[in-house]
Amino acid sequence: MRILVNTVNETQKLAAKLAKNVAAGDTILLSGDLGAGKTTFTQGFAKELGIKRPVKSPTFTLVREYQTSEFPLYHLDVYRLGEEGNAEDLGLSEYFGGDAVALVEWSQYIKPDLPDDVLKISFERVASQETQRLITITATGKESTRLLAAMEE
């Protein structure tokens, strides 16, 4: 699925649509360059889940934890692990599956820790427009396919 969004508001509305359909155990991978919209997407996602706290990138803490009325939400930003090369033995796989939903930025740095069934969301700037983004969403398993189908409706 490919979607062209023109504003931050459109990005957050797309995130809210996804948030309405997630369930505990879902893992969502967000990829794109710095400033492409990953954290903006996460903010719209968290707002739809009823999270009142400000949502910001957890770059220097790796993981920010939020509690929704139904499950914990883990927002991971593992960008620094790629730069420093120390992703091994951090136990990050404990954040996936189970009773929580996880959103992961820069997931390529922790591939061995990721579950097989994930929803992948890629953000790409459109060169001709400063705020425009091309968002590509793909699924890799049964649960992520369910989420993708909900997004396509």
Protein backbone atom coordinates (compact mmCIF):
# COMPACT_ATOMS: atom_id res chain seq x y z
CA MET A 1 0.00 0.00 0.00
CA ARG A 2 1.34 3.43 -0.98
CA ILE A 3 -0.12 6.72 0.26
CA LEU A 4 0.89 10.29 -0.52
CA VAL A 5 0.38 12.64 2.43
CA ASN A 6 0.73 16.40 2.17
CA THR A 7 0.75 17.54 5.80
CA VAL A 8 1.67 16.52 9.33
CA ASN A 9 -2.07 16.31 10.05
CA GLU A 10 -2.57 13.77 7.24
CA THR A 11 0.33 11.69 8.56
CA GLN A 12 -1.18 11.69 12.04
CA LYS A 13 -4.65 10.78 10.70
CA LEU A 14 -3.11 7.77 8.96
CA ALA A 15 -1.42 6.81 12.23
CA ALA A 16 -4.73 7.17 14.09
CA LYS A 17 -6.39 4.82 11.62
CA LEU A 18 -3.74 2.21 12.32
CA ALA A 19 -3.98 2.75 16.08
CA LYS A 20 -7.71 1.95 15.98
CA ASN A 21 -6.85 -1.53 14.70
CA VAL A 22 -3.79 -2.61 16.69
CA ALA A 23 -3.81 -5.33 19.30
CA ALA A 24 -1.38 -6.44 21.96
CA GLY A 25 1.49 -8.31 20.32
CA ASP A 26 1.66 -6.14 17.18
CA THR A 27 5.04 -4.81 16.05
CA ILE A 28 5.31 -1.87 13.66
CA LEU A 29 8.60 -0.87 12.05
CA LEU A 30 9.06 2.75 10.96
CA SER A 31 11.81 3.55 8.48
CA GLY A 32 12.97 6.67 6.70
CA ASP A 33 15.62 9.36 6.84
CA LEU A 34 16.01 11.69 9.79
CA GLY A 35 13.04 14.07 9.82
CA ALA A 36 10.97 11.93 7.43
CA GLY A 37 7.97 11.66 9.77
CA LYS A 38 8.50 8.60 11.96
CA THR A 39 8.05 10.39 15.28
CA THR A 40 5.23 12.53 13.86
CA PHE A 41 3.47 9.29 12.92
CA THR A 42 4.07 7.89 16.41
CA GLN A 43 2.59 11.03 17.97
CA GLY A 44 -0.66 10.60 16.02
CA PHE A 45 -0.69 6.90 16.85
CA ALA A 46 -0.24 7.52 20.59
CA LYS A 47 -2.83 10.30 20.67
CA GLU A 48 -5.44 7.98 19.15
CA LEU A 49 -4.65 5.42 21.85
CA GLY A 50 -5.43 8.04 24.51
CA ILE A 51 -1.87 8.81 25.58
CA LYS A 52 -1.79 12.32 27.01
CA ARG A 53 1.96 12.60 27.69
CA PRO A 54 4.07 14.31 25.05
CA VAL A 55 5.53 11.76 22.65
CA LYS A 56 9.06 12.46 21.50
CA SER A 57 11.77 10.39 19.94
CA PRO A 58 13.53 8.13 22.46
CA THR A 59 16.88 8.45 20.67
CA PHE A 60 18.94 8.86 23.82
CA THR A 61 16.95 6.45 26.00
CA LEU A 62 16.28 3.79 23.30
CA VAL A 63 12.77 3.02 24.63
CA ARG A 64 9.90 5.13 25.89
CA GLU A 65 7.04 3.30 27.53
CA TYR A 66 3.44 4.53 27.57
CA GLN A 67 0.36 2.91 29.05
CA THR A 68 -2.92 2.83 27.12
CA SER A 69 -6.21 1.61 28.58
CA GLU A 70 -5.60 -1.79 26.98
CA PHE A 71 -1.86 -2.43 26.69
CA PRO A 72 1.61 -0.90 27.04
CA LEU A 73 3.00 0.94 24.03
CA TYR A 74 6.76 0.75 23.50
CA HIS A 75 8.38 3.33 21.24
CA LEU A 76 11.91 2.29 20.38
CA ASP A 77 14.45 4.38 18.49
CA VAL A 78 17.57 2.29 18.00
CA TYR A 79 19.43 4.66 15.69
CA ARG A 80 22.34 5.04 18.11
CA LEU A 81 22.85 1.28 18.27
CA GLY A 82 23.77 1.24 14.61
CA GLU A 83 26.31 3.99 15.05
CA GLU A 84 27.89 2.39 18.08
CA GLY A 85 27.49 -1.22 17.04
CA ASN A 86 26.34 -2.46 20.45
CA ALA A 87 22.88 -3.89 19.78
CA GLU A 88 23.81 -7.36 21.01
CA ASP A 89 22.70 -8.61 24.41
CA LEU A 90 20.39 -5.71 25.24
CA GLY A 91 17.32 -7.94 25.51
CA LEU A 92 15.30 -5.82 23.09
CA SER A 93 13.36 -8.89 21.89
CA GLU A 94 11.46 -8.72 25.20
CA TYR A 95 9.63 -5.66 23.88
CA PHE A 96 7.98 -7.58 21.04
CA GLY A 97 4.86 -9.71 21.15
CA GLY A 98 3.19 -10.50 24.42
CA ASP A 99 0.92 -7.92 25.97
CA ALA A 100 2.26 -4.77 24.29
CA VAL A 101 2.39 -2.94 20.97
CA ALA A 102 5.84 -1.85 19.77
CA LEU A 103 6.77 0.88 17.29
CA VAL A 104 10.42 0.71 16.23
CA GLU A 105 12.44 3.38 14.44
CA TRP A 106 15.66 2.30 12.68
CA SER A 107 14.83 -1.40 13.08
CA GLN A 108 17.59 -2.45 10.65
CA TYR A 109 20.02 -2.20 13.57
CA ILE A 110 18.24 -4.90 15.60
CA LYS A 111 17.05 -7.36 12.92
CA PRO A 112 17.93 -10.49 14.93
CA ASP A 113 15.68 -9.32 17.79
CA LEU A 114 12.60 -8.63 15.65
CA PRO A 115 9.64 -10.98 15.27
CA ASP A 116 8.84 -12.40 11.82
CA ASP A 117 5.35 -10.88 11.68
CA VAL A 118 5.68 -7.09 11.45
CA LEU A 119 4.00 -4.19 9.72
CA LYS A 120 6.60 -2.11 7.88
CA ILE A 121 5.97 1.58 7.26
CA SER A 122 8.45 3.52 5.16
CA PHE A 123 8.51 7.34 4.95
CA GLU A 124 10.05 9.05 1.95
CA ARG A 125 10.27 12.78 1.34
CA VAL A 126 8.90 13.99 -1.98
CA ALA A 127 11.57 16.25 -3.43
CA SER A 128 9.21 18.81 -4.94
CA GLN A 129 7.24 19.47 -1.72
CA GLU A 130 8.76 20.13 1.70
CA THR A 131 5.92 18.59 3.75
CA GLN A 132 4.82 15.88 1.33
CA ARG A 133 5.69 12.24 2.11
CA LEU A 134 5.23 8.98 0.27
CA ILE A 135 4.33 6.33 2.83
CA THR A 136 4.65 2.67 1.89
CA ILE A 137 3.09 0.01 4.13
CA THR A 138 3.81 -3.73 3.83
CA ALA A 139 3.01 -6.78 5.93
CA THR A 140 5.08 -9.90 6.62
CA GLY A 141 2.66 -12.25 8.38
CA LYS A 142 -0.88 -13.03 9.49
CA GLU A 143 -1.35 -10.29 12.11
CA SER A 144 0.40 -7.59 10.10
CA THR A 145 -1.69 -8.55 7.07
CA ARG A 146 -4.78 -7.99 9.22
CA LEU A 147 -3.51 -4.51 10.06
CA LEU A 148 -2.70 -3.74 6.45
CA ALA A 149 -6.17 -4.81 5.36
CA ALA A 150 -7.70 -2.51 7.97
CA MET A 151 -5.58 0.35 6.65
CA GLU A 152 -6.71 -0.29 3.07
CA GLU A 153 -10.42 -0.03 3.97
